[in-house]
Each structure stands twice: as structure tokens, then as C-alpha cells.
Amino acid sequence: MSLRRLPLRIWLPLLFSCVVAGCASRPIPPPAPPAPVVDRSSPSVSGTWVLTVESPMGRDDVDARFAQHGHRLTGALLNAGEEVPIEGTVEGERIRFAMNLDVRGQLLRLDYDGSFDGDNMSGTVQFGSLGTGKFTATRKQADAAQ
């Protein structure tokens, strides 16, 4: 008797048994180990800093207040009783932030790009189309103790 002549009521259970036996004989691979947890958080720059800017117009020291939320950076530059909003990013030891400064009724965008290490930072600042300068900053001691 060939398989072609078997009735369907015998053929289907036989096929089902073969499939089940085939599945049962294959080992189930173990689950992959969980991916290692990598801490990608960066040290925080939150707090008040003394920001020193060297520009073609000279040197200026102002306070800058930063609030870091993950990679997002917000805050304000505190100069002559006025607060200028700051927005930027922090990735690893790299910090970037920008502000729009009112200079005699004209908005001037300042773009800061630098790095920080604990309580110090340094980098360059772009004064719109007027040129570049350098900046350094030191965290105020009251903030460093926290």
C-alpha cells in the first residue's frame, strides 16, 4: 500500500505526528544574554558658573546658571541685572549652548562650543557674523560642594 492510497483520516494524523516529532527533536536555543547596561549619563553641569569671555572687544566675566536635564541644557546668563536665556546640549564632556544678546537693539546670536571637566569648562564662542573668541568657566564653590 502506497502513501497515496491512504485515506485522509489516516494521512492527516500521520502528518501531524511527523511535524510534532520534528519540533520535539530540535533543541530550543537558550535565550540570548541580556545586553550589558551601559551608563551613558554624563556629569552634570547644573549650577552657577563664572563665565569669562574673551572677544575682540575685550574680556568680560558674567555668571551663567545652567540646568541639565539628560542631554538637554537650559539656563540663563546673568549680566548687569538682566537674564538672557540659554539653551543647548551636553553629550559626554562636550557642551554646546547658545543665546541671543540684545546689542543696541540688534539681536546677536552667541554660539558656545566647548568641553568640561568637573568644575571647569573651556571652548570657543561664535559672535554671529562678527567673529570668534574663547571662553572659560569655573563652577562657583557653593555649587561644587553640593
Protein backbone atom coordinates (compact mmCIF):
# COMPACT_ATOMS: atom_id res chain seq x y z
CA MET A 1 0.00 0.00 0.00
CA SER A 2 1.44 3.35 -1.00
CA LEU A 3 1.00 6.61 0.88
CA ARG A 4 -1.13 7.98 -1.93
CA ARG A 5 -3.79 5.38 -1.24
CA LEU A 6 -4.08 6.08 2.50
CA PRO A 7 -7.35 7.70 3.47
CA LEU A 8 -7.25 11.32 4.62
CA ARG A 9 -8.30 10.33 8.17
CA ILE A 10 -5.04 8.38 8.49
CA TRP A 11 -2.86 10.73 6.43
CA LEU A 12 -3.56 13.89 8.50
CA PRO A 13 -2.78 12.35 11.92
CA LEU A 14 0.37 10.80 10.45
CA LEU A 15 1.48 14.19 9.08
CA PHE A 16 0.67 15.86 12.39
CA SER A 17 2.72 13.24 14.28
CA CYS A 18 5.71 13.84 11.98
CA VAL A 19 5.55 17.60 12.49
CA VAL A 20 5.29 17.22 16.28
CA ALA A 21 8.15 14.74 16.33
CA GLY A 22 10.27 17.09 14.20
CA CYS A 23 9.62 20.03 16.50
CA ALA A 24 10.25 17.99 19.61
CA SER A 25 13.56 16.69 18.34
CA ARG A 26 15.00 20.15 17.66
CA PRO A 27 16.69 21.71 20.67
CA ILE A 28 15.35 25.08 21.67
CA PRO A 29 18.24 27.54 21.73
CA PRO A 30 18.80 29.28 25.05
CA PRO A 31 17.71 32.91 25.22
CA ALA A 32 20.35 35.48 24.35
CA PRO A 33 22.04 37.01 27.38
CA PRO A 34 20.75 40.46 28.25
CA ALA A 35 22.67 43.35 26.77
CA PRO A 36 25.09 44.94 29.22
CA VAL A 37 23.82 48.08 30.85
CA VAL A 38 25.99 50.99 29.77
CA ASP A 39 25.81 54.16 31.81
CA ARG A 40 25.72 56.90 29.21
CA SER A 41 24.96 59.64 31.66
CA SER A 42 27.39 62.47 31.82
CA PRO A 43 28.48 64.51 34.80
CA SER A 44 26.10 67.38 35.38
CA VAL A 45 26.91 70.99 34.61
CA SER A 46 23.88 72.17 36.60
CA GLY A 47 24.63 75.11 38.85
CA THR A 48 26.09 78.59 38.66
CA TRP A 49 29.35 79.22 36.83
CA VAL A 50 31.60 82.26 36.37
CA LEU A 51 31.87 82.57 32.60
CA THR A 52 34.83 84.50 31.18
CA VAL A 53 34.52 85.53 27.54
CA GLU A 54 37.44 86.88 25.52
CA SER A 55 36.25 88.75 22.44
CA PRO A 56 37.71 91.35 20.07
CA MET A 57 36.10 93.92 22.42
CA GLY A 58 37.99 92.61 25.48
CA ARG A 59 37.36 90.32 28.41
CA ASP A 60 34.09 90.02 30.32
CA ASP A 61 33.16 87.96 33.39
CA VAL A 62 29.49 87.08 33.96
CA ASP A 63 27.53 84.48 35.88
CA ALA A 64 25.83 81.67 33.98
CA ARG A 65 23.19 79.44 35.54
CA PHE A 66 22.78 76.00 33.92
CA ALA A 67 20.11 73.33 34.46
CA GLN A 68 20.86 69.98 32.84
CA HIS A 69 18.04 67.51 32.08
CA GLY A 70 19.69 64.47 30.46
CA HIS A 71 21.36 65.84 27.35
CA ARG A 72 19.21 69.00 27.30
CA LEU A 73 20.64 72.20 28.75
CA THR A 74 18.72 75.33 29.78
CA GLY A 75 19.62 78.31 31.88
CA ALA A 76 20.44 82.00 31.80
CA LEU A 77 23.35 84.37 31.51
CA LEU A 78 23.21 86.89 34.36
CA ASN A 79 24.68 90.23 33.31
CA ALA A 80 24.07 93.68 34.77
CA GLY A 81 20.84 92.57 36.43
CA GLU A 82 19.50 91.12 33.20
CA GLU A 83 18.86 87.43 32.45
CA VAL A 84 19.49 86.17 28.93
CA PRO A 85 18.04 82.67 28.28
CA ILE A 86 20.45 79.88 27.32
CA GLU A 87 19.60 76.63 25.51
CA GLY A 88 21.92 73.83 24.49
CA THR A 89 23.09 70.25 24.86
CA VAL A 90 25.56 68.20 26.87
CA GLU A 91 26.95 64.97 25.44
CA GLY A 92 29.69 63.28 27.40
CA GLU A 93 32.21 66.03 28.16
CA ARG A 94 31.06 68.23 25.29
CA ILE A 95 28.85 71.24 25.95
CA ARG A 96 27.11 73.43 23.40
CA PHE A 97 24.80 76.32 24.17
CA ALA A 98 23.52 79.48 22.53
CA MET A 99 21.86 82.74 23.44
CA ASN A 100 20.52 85.83 21.70
CA LEU A 101 22.03 89.00 23.09
CA ASP A 102 20.46 92.43 22.50
CA VAL A 103 23.22 94.79 21.35
CA ARG A 104 21.83 98.31 20.86
CA GLY A 105 18.51 96.98 19.60
CA GLN A 106 20.04 94.30 17.36
CA LEU A 107 19.93 90.61 18.27
CA LEU A 108 23.32 88.94 18.19
CA ARG A 109 23.42 85.14 18.44
CA LEU A 110 26.30 83.73 20.50
CA ASP A 111 27.12 80.05 19.96
CA TYR A 112 29.35 78.36 22.55
CA ASP A 113 31.10 75.05 21.84
CA GLY A 114 33.43 73.53 24.39
CA SER A 115 34.22 70.81 26.85
CA PHE A 116 34.07 70.49 30.61
CA ASP A 117 35.88 68.52 33.23
CA GLY A 118 34.33 68.63 36.67
CA ASP A 119 34.27 72.28 37.73
CA ASN A 120 35.98 73.79 34.65
CA MET A 121 35.00 74.31 31.05
CA SER A 122 36.56 75.96 28.03
CA GLY A 123 35.96 76.38 24.33
CA THR A 124 35.14 78.81 21.57
CA VAL A 125 32.31 81.25 21.05
CA GLN A 126 30.98 82.50 17.71
CA PHE A 127 29.67 86.09 17.82
CA GLY A 128 27.23 85.81 14.91
CA SER A 129 28.99 87.15 11.81
CA LEU A 130 31.33 89.34 13.89
CA GLY A 131 33.99 86.73 14.61
CA THR A 132 35.06 84.25 17.23
CA GLY A 133 36.51 84.28 20.71
CA LYS A 134 37.31 81.99 23.57
CA PHE A 135 35.55 81.23 26.81
CA THR A 136 36.41 79.58 30.09
CA ALA A 137 34.17 78.92 33.06
CA THR A 138 34.58 77.82 36.64
CA ARG A 139 31.78 76.42 38.78
CA LYS A 140 31.04 78.58 41.82
CA GLN A 141 32.22 76.88 45.00
CA ALA A 142 28.78 76.82 46.67
CA ASP A 143 27.54 74.69 43.75
CA ALA A 144 30.63 72.47 43.70
CA ALA A 145 30.10 71.44 47.32
CA GLN A 146 26.59 70.08 46.59
